[in-house]
């Protein structure tokens, strides 16, 4: 057994309150995320609007707070007007991003109907690839103004009297990527984002704007892109976006299990870049971060759109089947996000249904939870209050990409109103690790719950035939004596430990 680890927590070492928006998701018109995912008229579980109620129930169980729509690469060729009004009059378009026919049977108002039923906040993206300032401002007008203008009255004509009141807006998507329709240089995009943001705020001054950051940290322009964009658009935007996916097949197994090491560095680098621009421009506002695309993704299995014929029906794109190891990595990425709660306040796991998703469906058939569903749902359910820094010491493990890294990772969340302390801990190593907990700074404690996700087979998956092959296990919580507790963490495992705080120091 590996060397014992020690974890200490003190309520004085606060990071920031948990922003519920970090538990977001993403719905793009890609593959079967929309069609036969969240929307399938004629399905036995579909409501009168064609929305799959089984997926709605799973979305609520997942604890999703905000959902980004309609893309993604899709948005850079999207005409929002195509997806409003009578469905029989909507045009069929070629989607340039994924080489599929977009019927527009599901559009803006259908998404808002779905969001309301799912209990999530909509996060809209505007097309700055093939369109621009006027169309972006008009979309805000359509969504947010009560009436008395052409676009707002058009919404009312379409049967939606009340404004959608969308607060969060993405200024395009991955505009640094050569794969993006209408991609731009950093300076070109920064100027366009500033001008589009200014026009959108003239329509509704209360909206929050997200500028595109680098498509991933491996882009050759990474960091220089963010610096240039923010120098042009700093005064107009509230957030800069981050996108990052982790592929189990592109690194050695240990490096994949330590993916959160990379996410920590990525987040820290963006914060440093944004703060450099703030100092350079002599501003006081601090830019926040929106990690609005993240997940595990087996990208090596992905066929590029230009290599496929045009799809008449929703194609099965990147419908990855996730393992226990993938779920542990997702749980660790959530730990990293919480650890940066002072600056990272929006997160959108990509995507919600079928496309690298926690929820899978069969057309006309069942839906089920993938392994990655569980750490997300449990973290969303338990992470309330204020994030606390932890002092964690213990064994290390060797990785091919990051060198020696800690085998364990953890974060704590303290909610005085609920009288709860929750520890999220992951063992990303291949050996069991004894863990001693020092929680004496909280006074009287009682261990309430211990939930873990692990399996003797780290490659185990869920499927339509075995939807509950991998489920969280509820264990007897460790005995807590004068603020101390001890347990053993199995290899490749994720844990949530909840304590009741009976008295505070």
Protein backbone atom coordinates (compact mmCIF):
# COMPACT_ATOMS: atom_id res chain seq x y z
CA UNK A 1 0.00 0.00 0.00
CA UNK A 2 1.21 3.50 -0.81
CA UNK A 3 2.48 6.00 1.73
CA UNK A 4 -0.30 7.58 3.77
CA UNK A 5 -1.64 10.97 2.76
CA UNK A 6 -2.84 13.78 5.01
CA UNK A 7 -5.49 16.37 4.25
CA UNK A 8 -6.19 19.39 6.47
CA UNK A 9 -8.94 21.99 6.04
CA UNK A 10 -9.58 25.26 7.84
CA UNK A 11 -12.62 27.52 7.26
CA UNK A 12 -10.34 30.57 7.38
CA UNK A 13 -8.73 29.67 4.06
CA UNK A 14 -11.59 30.56 1.73
CA UNK A 15 -11.30 30.82 -2.07
CA UNK A 16 -14.74 32.12 -3.08
CA UNK A 17 -18.42 31.17 -3.01
CA UNK A 18 -19.45 28.43 -5.42
CA UNK A 19 -21.07 29.96 -8.48
CA UNK A 20 -23.79 27.56 -9.62
CA UNK A 21 -23.06 28.48 -13.21
CA UNK A 22 -19.97 26.26 -13.21
CA UNK A 23 -22.33 23.27 -13.38
CA UNK A 24 -23.37 24.08 -16.91
CA UNK A 25 -23.76 22.00 -20.04
CA UNK A 26 -23.81 22.54 -23.78
CA UNK A 27 -26.37 21.81 -26.52
CA UNK A 28 -25.12 22.14 -30.08
CA UNK A 29 -26.75 21.23 -33.36
CA UNK A 30 -24.20 18.46 -33.84
CA UNK A 31 -24.83 14.78 -34.34
CA UNK A 32 -27.72 13.58 -32.17
CA UNK A 33 -27.48 16.10 -29.34
CA UNK A 34 -30.66 17.89 -30.41
CA UNK A 35 -32.46 15.54 -32.79
CA UNK A 36 -33.22 12.20 -31.05
CA UNK A 37 -31.32 13.59 -28.05
CA UNK A 38 -33.31 16.28 -26.26
CA UNK A 39 -35.92 16.58 -29.06
CA UNK A 40 -37.73 13.67 -30.65
CA UNK A 41 -41.39 14.15 -31.63
CA UNK A 42 -43.15 10.81 -31.67
CA UNK A 43 -40.97 9.26 -28.99
CA UNK A 44 -43.02 7.47 -26.30
CA UNK A 45 -41.60 9.89 -23.70
CA UNK A 46 -42.01 13.06 -25.81
CA UNK A 47 -44.27 15.84 -24.56
CA UNK A 48 -46.60 17.92 -26.74
CA UNK A 49 -43.60 20.00 -27.85
CA UNK A 50 -41.58 16.95 -28.94
CA UNK A 51 -39.18 17.25 -25.99
CA UNK A 52 -38.03 13.97 -24.49
CA UNK A 53 -39.23 14.02 -20.89
CA UNK A 54 -36.84 11.21 -19.93
CA UNK A 55 -33.92 13.43 -20.96
CA UNK A 56 -35.47 16.40 -19.15
CA UNK A 57 -35.64 14.31 -15.97
CA UNK A 58 -32.02 13.23 -16.33
CA UNK A 59 -30.95 16.84 -16.99
CA UNK A 60 -32.58 17.94 -13.76
CA UNK A 61 -31.01 15.00 -11.91
CA UNK A 62 -27.62 15.93 -13.37
CA UNK A 63 -27.95 19.31 -11.65
CA UNK A 64 -27.28 21.40 -14.74
CA UNK A 65 -27.48 25.14 -14.08
CA UNK A 66 -26.81 26.83 -17.42
CA UNK A 67 -26.79 25.52 -21.01
CA UNK A 68 -24.86 27.06 -23.88
CA UNK A 69 -26.65 27.08 -27.27
CA UNK A 70 -26.59 26.63 -30.33
CA UNK A 71 -22.83 26.07 -30.68
CA UNK A 72 -20.03 25.40 -30.98
CA UNK A 73 -18.77 25.36 -34.54
CA UNK A 74 -22.37 25.22 -35.70
CA UNK A 75 -23.03 28.81 -34.64
CA UNK A 76 -20.51 30.28 -37.10
CA UNK A 77 -22.84 29.49 -39.98
CA UNK A 78 -26.16 29.76 -38.15
CA UNK A 79 -28.99 32.08 -39.13
CA UNK A 80 -31.13 32.39 -36.01
CA UNK A 81 -34.08 33.61 -38.07
CA UNK A 82 -34.27 30.18 -39.70
CA UNK A 83 -35.24 28.60 -36.39
CA UNK A 84 -38.18 30.83 -35.41
CA UNK A 85 -41.74 31.14 -36.67
CA UNK A 86 -43.99 28.39 -38.07
CA UNK A 87 -41.99 25.17 -38.37
CA UNK A 88 -43.54 24.37 -41.74
CA UNK A 89 -42.06 27.54 -43.19
CA UNK A 90 -38.51 27.11 -41.90
CA UNK A 91 -35.79 26.49 -44.48
CA UNK A 92 -33.56 23.44 -44.71
CA UNK A 93 -29.93 24.54 -44.66
CA UNK A 94 -26.56 22.90 -45.14
CA UNK A 95 -24.70 23.08 -41.84
CA UNK A 96 -21.16 23.99 -42.87
CA UNK A 97 -19.62 22.89 -39.57
CA UNK A 98 -20.73 19.25 -39.50
CA UNK A 99 -21.86 18.72 -43.13
CA UNK A 100 -25.42 17.84 -42.21
CA UNK A 101 -28.82 19.08 -43.31
CA UNK A 102 -30.29 21.32 -40.63
CA UNK A 103 -34.09 21.17 -40.79
CA UNK A 104 -34.56 23.95 -38.22
CA UNK A 105 -37.43 21.97 -36.71
CA UNK A 106 -35.81 22.81 -33.37
CA UNK A 107 -34.84 26.44 -33.02
CA UNK A 108 -34.51 29.33 -30.61
CA UNK A 109 -37.97 29.28 -29.04
CA UNK A 110 -38.00 25.50 -28.80
CA UNK A 111 -34.70 25.69 -26.95
CA UNK A 112 -36.07 28.31 -24.57
CA UNK A 113 -39.11 26.11 -23.95
CA UNK A 114 -36.79 23.20 -23.21
CA UNK A 115 -34.59 25.34 -20.92
CA UNK A 116 -37.61 26.44 -18.92
CA UNK A 117 -38.79 22.86 -18.46
CA UNK A 118 -35.27 21.71 -17.57
CA UNK A 119 -34.88 24.55 -15.06
CA UNK A 120 -31.66 25.84 -16.62
CA UNK A 121 -30.39 29.29 -17.54
CA UNK A 122 -29.86 29.80 -21.28
CA UNK A 123 -26.45 30.94 -22.51
CA UNK A 124 -26.69 32.10 -26.13
CA UNK A 125 -23.90 32.31 -28.69
CA UNK A 126 -24.02 34.76 -31.61
CA UNK A 127 -22.63 34.13 -35.08
CA UNK A 128 -19.51 36.21 -35.65
CA UNK A 129 -18.24 33.89 -38.38
CA UNK A 130 -20.51 34.47 -41.37
CA UNK A 131 -22.56 37.27 -39.79
CA UNK A 132 -21.83 40.23 -37.57
CA UNK A 133 -22.82 43.21 -35.46
CA UNK A 134 -26.33 43.92 -36.75
CA UNK A 135 -27.48 40.30 -36.54
CA UNK A 136 -26.06 39.91 -33.02
CA UNK A 137 -27.81 43.04 -31.75
CA UNK A 138 -31.06 42.00 -33.41
CA UNK A 139 -30.92 38.62 -31.70
CA UNK A 140 -30.60 40.32 -28.31
CA UNK A 141 -33.58 42.47 -29.25
CA UNK A 142 -35.61 39.40 -30.22
CA UNK A 143 -34.74 37.62 -26.97
CA UNK A 144 -34.74 40.37 -24.35
CA UNK A 145 -36.95 43.32 -25.26
CA UNK A 146 -40.60 43.18 -24.19
CA UNK A 147 -42.07 44.67 -27.38
CA UNK A 148 -42.49 47.81 -29.42
CA UNK A 149 -39.57 47.08 -31.79
CA UNK A 150 -39.48 44.98 -34.94
CA UNK A 151 -37.53 42.02 -33.54
CA UNK A 152 -39.33 41.95 -30.18
CA UNK A 153 -42.70 42.19 -31.90
CA UNK A 154 -41.65 39.36 -34.21
CA UNK A 155 -41.09 37.17 -31.15
CA UNK A 156 -44.53 38.09 -29.90
CA UNK A 157 -45.96 37.24 -33.32
CA UNK A 158 -44.30 33.85 -32.95
CA UNK A 159 -46.37 33.23 -29.83
CA UNK A 160 -43.83 34.18 -27.16
CA UNK A 161 -45.17 37.22 -25.30
CA UNK A 162 -42.62 37.44 -22.47
CA UNK A 163 -38.93 38.11 -23.19
CA UNK A 164 -36.52 35.22 -22.79
CA UNK A 165 -34.28 37.51 -20.70
CA UNK A 166 -30.98 35.88 -21.69
CA UNK A 167 -28.16 37.18 -19.48
CA UNK A 168 -25.08 35.32 -20.79
CA UNK A 169 -23.90 35.80 -24.39
CA UNK A 170 -20.92 34.27 -26.20
CA UNK A 171 -19.33 36.51 -28.83
CA UNK A 172 -18.81 33.77 -31.40
CA UNK A 173 -17.01 30.47 -30.97
CA UNK A 174 -13.36 29.40 -31.31
CA UNK A 175 -12.63 32.23 -33.74
CA UNK A 176 -8.90 31.41 -33.64
CA UNK A 177 -9.46 27.97 -35.18
CA UNK A 178 -8.77 27.47 -38.91
CA UNK A 179 -11.63 24.94 -38.87
CA UNK A 180 -14.05 27.70 -37.89
CA UNK A 181 -16.18 29.20 -40.65
CA UNK A 182 -15.02 32.81 -40.84
CA UNK A 183 -12.04 32.43 -38.50
CA UNK A 184 -10.12 35.64 -37.74
CA UNK A 185 -6.81 36.90 -36.42
CA UNK A 186 -6.72 37.94 -32.79
CA UNK A 187 -6.78 41.63 -33.68
CA UNK A 188 -9.63 41.22 -36.18
CA UNK A 189 -11.68 39.23 -33.71
CA UNK A 190 -10.94 41.54 -30.79
CA UNK A 191 -12.16 44.56 -32.77
CA UNK A 192 -15.27 42.69 -33.96
CA UNK A 193 -16.05 41.41 -30.45
CA UNK A 194 -15.73 44.92 -29.03
CA UNK A 195 -18.01 46.44 -31.65
CA UNK A 196 -20.58 43.64 -31.50
CA UNK A 197 -20.56 43.75 -27.70
CA UNK A 198 -21.07 47.49 -27.72
CA UNK A 199 -24.08 47.18 -30.04
CA UNK A 200 -25.56 44.31 -28.03
CA UNK A 201 -25.24 46.32 -24.81
CA UNK A 202 -27.02 49.25 -26.44
CA UNK A 203 -30.00 46.92 -26.85
CA UNK A 204 -29.74 45.54 -23.30
CA UNK A 205 -27.11 47.07 -20.97
CA UNK A 206 -27.59 44.32 -18.39
CA UNK A 207 -26.23 41.40 -20.42
CA UNK A 208 -22.91 39.65 -19.69
CA UNK A 209 -20.52 39.01 -22.57
CA UNK A 210 -17.98 36.22 -23.12
CA UNK A 211 -15.06 36.78 -25.51
CA UNK A 212 -13.54 33.80 -27.31
CA UNK A 213 -10.28 32.65 -25.84
CA UNK A 214 -8.00 30.11 -27.47
CA UNK A 215 -9.70 26.96 -28.74
CA UNK A 216 -7.32 24.99 -26.55
CA UNK A 217 -4.02 25.47 -24.75
CA UNK A 218 -2.13 23.73 -27.55
CA UNK A 219 -2.95 26.39 -30.15
CA UNK A 220 0.21 28.08 -31.51
CA UNK A 221 -1.29 31.49 -30.67
CA UNK A 222 -2.31 30.53 -27.13
CA UNK A 223 -1.99 33.38 -24.59
CA UNK A 224 -0.96 35.86 -27.28
CA UNK A 225 -4.49 35.46 -28.65
CA UNK A 226 -6.08 36.23 -25.27
CA UNK A 227 -3.80 39.22 -24.71
CA UNK A 228 -4.57 40.79 -28.09
CA UNK A 229 -8.31 40.11 -27.91
CA UNK A 230 -8.60 41.55 -24.41
CA UNK A 231 -6.56 44.62 -25.31
CA UNK A 232 -9.23 45.38 -27.93
CA UNK A 233 -12.37 44.27 -26.07
CA UNK A 234 -11.55 44.53 -22.35
CA UNK A 235 -14.09 47.23 -21.56
CA UNK A 236 -16.93 45.41 -23.33
CA UNK A 237 -16.56 41.87 -22.01
CA UNK A 238 -17.00 40.22 -18.65
CA UNK A 239 -15.52 36.80 -19.40
CA UNK A 240 -12.93 35.13 -21.59
CA UNK A 241 -13.66 31.56 -22.63
CA UNK A 242 -11.52 28.44 -22.26
CA UNK A 243 -12.03 25.18 -24.16
CA UNK A 244 -10.13 21.98 -23.43
CA UNK A 245 -10.73 18.29 -24.02
CA UNK A 246 -8.72 15.35 -22.72
CA UNK A 247 -8.14 12.29 -24.88
CA UNK A 248 -7.20 9.02 -23.17
CA UNK A 249 -5.54 7.78 -26.35
CA UNK A 250 -3.16 10.70 -26.92
CA UNK A 251 -1.16 10.39 -23.70
CA UNK A 252 0.07 7.64 -21.41
CA UNK A 253 -2.56 6.34 -18.92
CA UNK A 254 -1.03 8.11 -15.91
CA UNK A 255 -0.94 11.47 -17.72
CA UNK A 256 -4.58 11.04 -18.71
CA UNK A 257 -5.57 10.35 -15.11
CA UNK A 258 -3.67 13.53 -14.16
CA UNK A 259 -5.48 15.70 -16.74
CA UNK A 260 -6.50 18.15 -14.02
CA UNK A 261 -2.83 19.14 -13.70
CA UNK A 262 -3.08 20.53 -17.23
CA UNK A 263 -6.40 22.24 -16.53
CA UNK A 264 -4.94 23.92 -13.43
CA UNK A 265 -2.07 25.30 -15.52
CA UNK A 266 -4.39 26.38 -18.33
CA UNK A 267 -6.64 28.30 -15.96
CA UNK A 268 -3.71 29.91 -14.16
CA UNK A 269 -2.15 31.01 -17.47
CA UNK A 270 -5.38 32.65 -18.64
CA UNK A 271 -5.79 34.45 -15.32
CA UNK A 272 -2.22 35.74 -15.56
CA UNK A 273 -2.76 36.91 -19.14
CA UNK A 274 -6.02 38.67 -18.32
CA UNK A 275 -4.50 40.38 -15.30
CA UNK A 276 -1.51 41.51 -17.36
CA UNK A 277 -3.90 43.24 -19.78
CA UNK A 278 -5.81 44.77 -16.86
CA UNK A 279 -2.58 46.25 -15.52
CA UNK A 280 -1.47 47.40 -18.95
CA UNK A 281 -4.81 49.18 -19.57
CA UNK A 282 -4.96 50.56 -16.01
CA UNK A 283 -8.35 48.98 -15.35
CA UNK A 284 -9.82 47.83 -12.05
CA UNK A 285 -12.31 45.28 -13.43
CA UNK A 286 -11.05 41.70 -13.35
CA UNK A 287 -12.06 39.45 -16.23
CA UNK A 288 -13.74 36.21 -15.19
CA UNK A 289 -13.31 32.85 -16.89
CA UNK A 290 -15.89 30.74 -18.71
CA UNK A 291 -14.80 27.14 -19.28
CA UNK A 292 -17.65 26.68 -21.71
CA UNK A 293 -16.36 23.53 -23.42
CA UNK A 294 -14.66 20.76 -21.47
CA UNK A 295 -14.79 17.01 -21.20
CA UNK A 296 -13.06 13.73 -21.91
CA UNK A 297 -13.13 13.12 -25.68
CA UNK A 298 -11.67 10.22 -27.66
CA UNK A 299 -10.62 12.56 -30.46
CA UNK A 300 -8.49 9.95 -32.19
CA UNK A 301 -11.72 8.17 -33.13
CA UNK A 302 -13.24 11.31 -34.71
CA UNK A 303 -13.59 11.63 -38.49
CA UNK A 304 -13.32 15.20 -39.72
CA UNK A 305 -16.46 16.62 -41.41
CA UNK A 306 -14.81 17.15 -44.79
CA UNK A 307 -14.14 13.40 -44.95
CA UNK A 308 -17.85 12.56 -44.78
CA UNK A 309 -20.76 12.89 -47.23
CA UNK A 310 -23.54 15.32 -46.35
CA UNK A 311 -25.83 13.70 -43.78
CA UNK A 312 -29.59 13.91 -44.41
CA UNK A 313 -30.39 12.50 -40.95
CA UNK A 314 -28.70 13.35 -37.65
CA UNK A 315 -25.40 11.44 -37.81
CA UNK A 316 -23.92 9.49 -34.92
CA UNK A 317 -20.97 11.77 -34.15
CA UNK A 318 -18.48 11.26 -31.28
CA UNK A 319 -20.85 9.16 -29.19
CA UNK A 320 -18.09 8.08 -26.82
CA UNK A 321 -18.77 5.30 -24.33
CA UNK A 322 -17.19 6.40 -21.07
CA UNK A 323 -15.30 4.26 -18.59
CA UNK A 324 -14.84 4.43 -14.82
CA UNK A 325 -11.42 5.99 -15.42
CA UNK A 326 -13.01 8.66 -17.61
CA UNK A 327 -15.50 9.41 -14.83
CA UNK A 328 -12.70 9.77 -12.25
CA UNK A 329 -10.96 12.23 -14.57
CA UNK A 330 -14.19 14.21 -14.98
CA UNK A 331 -14.55 14.32 -11.20
CA UNK A 332 -10.96 15.57 -10.92
CA UNK A 333 -11.58 18.28 -13.55
CA UNK A 334 -14.52 19.47 -11.44
CA UNK A 335 -12.18 19.66 -8.43
CA UNK A 336 -9.88 21.90 -10.48
CA UNK A 337 -12.79 24.11 -11.49
CA UNK A 338 -13.93 24.52 -7.89
CA UNK A 339 -10.37 25.27 -6.80
CA UNK A 340 -10.46 28.34 -9.10
CA UNK A 341 -13.89 29.53 -7.96
CA UNK A 342 -12.62 33.07 -7.44
CA UNK A 343 -12.19 33.56 -11.20
CA UNK A 344 -13.76 30.59 -12.99
CA UNK A 345 -17.49 31.16 -12.57
CA UNK A 346 -19.05 29.59 -15.69
CA UNK A 347 -18.50 26.05 -16.94
CA UNK A 348 -20.23 24.06 -19.67
CA UNK A 349 -19.48 20.37 -20.07
CA UNK A 350 -19.75 19.45 -23.74
CA UNK A 351 -22.24 18.14 -24.62
CA UNK A 352 -25.45 17.19 -22.80
CA UNK A 353 -26.87 14.31 -24.85
CA UNK A 354 -25.20 11.69 -27.06
CA UNK A 355 -22.29 13.83 -28.31
CA UNK A 356 -19.44 13.16 -25.81
CA UNK A 357 -22.21 13.33 -23.26
CA UNK A 358 -23.23 12.22 -19.77
CA UNK A 359 -26.67 11.29 -21.14
CA UNK A 360 -27.15 8.77 -23.94
CA UNK A 361 -30.33 7.96 -25.83
CA UNK A 362 -31.59 5.55 -28.45
CA UNK A 363 -33.98 6.89 -31.13
CA UNK A 364 -37.40 5.69 -30.10
CA UNK A 365 -35.80 3.86 -27.19
CA UNK A 366 -34.30 4.31 -23.74
CA UNK A 367 -32.00 6.89 -22.22
CA UNK A 368 -29.32 6.18 -19.64
CA UNK A 369 -26.58 7.71 -17.51
CA UNK A 370 -23.00 7.33 -18.65
CA UNK A 371 -20.29 6.89 -16.01
CA UNK A 372 -19.33 10.59 -16.25
CA UNK A 373 -22.90 11.52 -15.25
CA UNK A 374 -22.31 10.53 -11.65
CA UNK A 375 -19.39 12.71 -10.46
CA UNK A 376 -21.00 15.72 -12.14
CA UNK A 377 -24.41 15.11 -10.57
CA UNK A 378 -22.98 14.48 -7.10
CA UNK A 379 -20.64 17.48 -7.21
CA UNK A 380 -23.48 19.74 -8.35
CA UNK A 381 -25.74 18.41 -5.59
CA UNK A 382 -23.16 18.73 -2.81
CA UNK A 383 -21.04 21.79 -3.68
CA UNK A 384 -22.82 24.62 -1.89
CA UNK A 385 -21.30 27.45 0.07
CA UNK A 386 -17.67 28.54 -0.07
CA UNK A 387 -14.72 26.73 -1.61
CA UNK A 388 -11.83 26.20 0.82
CA UNK A 389 -8.17 25.59 0.10
CA UNK A 390 -6.88 22.28 1.40
CA UNK A 391 -3.44 21.30 2.63
CA UNK A 392 -2.74 17.92 1.05
CA UNK A 393 0.42 15.85 1.33
CA UNK A 394 0.96 12.30 0.17
CA UNK A 395 2.48 9.99 -2.40
CA UNK A 396 3.31 11.01 -5.93
CA UNK A 397 3.04 9.18 -9.23
CA UNK A 398 5.08 9.40 -12.41
CA UNK A 399 3.46 10.67 -15.60
CA UNK A 400 4.91 10.89 -19.07
CA UNK A 401 3.63 14.41 -19.73
CA UNK A 402 3.72 16.15 -16.34
CA UNK A 403 6.52 14.37 -14.51
CA UNK A 404 5.94 13.61 -10.82
CA UNK A 405 2.47 14.68 -9.67
CA UNK A 406 0.44 14.10 -6.53
CA UNK A 407 -1.49 10.84 -6.61
CA UNK A 408 -4.34 12.47 -4.69
CA UNK A 409 -6.19 15.70 -5.42
CA UNK A 410 -8.90 17.37 -3.36
CA UNK A 411 -10.98 20.45 -2.66
CA UNK A 412 -13.38 21.35 0.15
CA UNK A 413 -16.67 23.25 0.22
CA UNK A 414 -18.12 24.67 3.43
CA UNK A 415 -21.74 25.76 3.78
CA UNK A 416 -22.47 27.32 7.21
CA UNK A 417 -26.17 27.68 6.37
CA UNK A 418 -26.46 23.94 5.86
CA UNK A 419 -23.92 23.23 8.60
CA UNK A 420 -22.00 21.06 6.16
CA UNK A 421 -18.45 20.46 5.05
CA UNK A 422 -17.94 18.44 1.87
CA UNK A 423 -14.62 17.04 0.66
CA UNK A 424 -14.16 15.99 -2.95
CA UNK A 425 -11.14 13.70 -3.23
CA UNK A 426 -9.70 11.69 -6.10
CA UNK A 427 -7.05 8.98 -6.15
CA UNK A 428 -5.63 9.06 -9.65
CA UNK A 429 -2.94 6.50 -8.89
CA UNK A 430 -2.97 2.74 -9.34
CA UNK A 431 -2.41 1.89 -5.67
CA UNK A 432 -4.69 2.29 -2.64
CA UNK A 433 -3.77 5.24 -0.44
CA UNK A 434 -4.55 5.62 3.29
CA UNK A 435 -5.82 9.14 3.96
CA UNK A 436 -5.84 10.92 7.32
CA UNK A 437 -8.25 13.85 7.61
CA UNK A 438 -7.52 16.75 9.96
CA UNK A 439 -10.75 18.77 10.33
CA UNK A 440 -10.19 20.05 13.88
CA UNK A 441 -10.56 23.69 12.80
CA UNK A 442 -14.30 23.11 12.44
CA UNK A 443 -14.92 22.12 16.02
CA UNK A 444 -17.57 19.42 16.44
CA UNK A 445 -18.00 17.26 13.34
CA UNK A 446 -19.97 14.16 12.48
CA UNK A 447 -19.36 12.15 9.32
CA UNK A 448 -22.64 11.97 7.43
CA UNK A 449 -22.04 10.40 4.00
CA UNK A 450 -19.33 8.83 1.89
CA UNK A 451 -20.06 8.29 -1.80
CA UNK A 452 -17.47 6.86 -4.17
CA UNK A 453 -17.17 6.00 -7.83
CA UNK A 454 -14.73 3.20 -8.54
CA UNK A 455 -14.71 -0.33 -9.90
CA UNK A 456 -12.52 -3.40 -9.95
CA UNK A 457 -12.53 -2.91 -13.73
CA UNK A 458 -11.50 0.71 -14.49
CA UNK A 459 -12.63 0.16 -18.10
CA UNK A 460 -16.22 -0.71 -17.09
CA UNK A 461 -18.93 1.21 -18.95
CA UNK A 462 -22.67 1.70 -18.90
CA UNK A 463 -24.82 0.89 -21.93
CA UNK A 464 -28.43 0.56 -23.05
CA UNK A 465 -28.23 -3.12 -22.12
CA UNK A 466 -26.50 -2.43 -18.77
CA UNK A 467 -27.42 1.17 -17.82
CA UNK A 468 -26.44 0.66 -14.18
CA UNK A 469 -23.26 -1.37 -14.63
CA UNK A 470 -21.39 1.53 -12.98
CA UNK A 471 -23.15 3.50 -10.25
CA UNK A 472 -21.94 5.43 -7.19
CA UNK A 473 -21.45 3.38 -4.05
CA UNK A 474 -22.56 4.64 -0.66
CA UNK A 475 -20.10 3.55 1.99
CA UNK A 476 -20.11 3.76 5.75
CA UNK A 477 -18.58 7.17 6.47
CA UNK A 478 -15.31 7.19 8.39
CA UNK A 479 -15.54 7.61 12.16
CA UNK A 480 -14.78 11.18 13.18
CA UNK A 481 -13.02 11.57 16.54
CA UNK A 482 -12.21 15.13 17.70
CA UNK A 483 -12.05 16.36 14.12
CA UNK A 484 -9.91 13.51 12.86
CA UNK A 485 -10.87 10.68 10.53
CA UNK A 486 -9.14 8.08 8.41
CA UNK A 487 -10.01 6.00 5.37
CA UNK A 488 -8.37 4.16 2.50
CA UNK A 489 -8.90 5.36 -1.06
CA UNK A 490 -8.94 2.57 -3.65
CA UNK A 491 -6.94 3.08 -6.85
CA UNK A 492 -8.54 5.19 -9.62
CA UNK A 493 -11.42 6.40 -7.48
CA UNK A 494 -13.48 9.55 -6.88
CA UNK A 495 -15.00 10.39 -3.49
CA UNK A 496 -17.43 12.82 -1.90
CA UNK A 497 -17.34 12.95 1.91
CA UNK A 498 -19.98 15.00 3.70
CA UNK A 499 -19.66 16.06 7.34
CA UNK A 500 -22.17 17.77 9.57
CA UNK A 501 -20.63 20.72 11.37
CA UNK A 502 -22.12 20.70 14.85
CA UNK A 503 -20.08 23.63 16.11
CA UNK A 504 -17.74 26.12 14.49
CA UNK A 505 -14.48 27.39 15.90
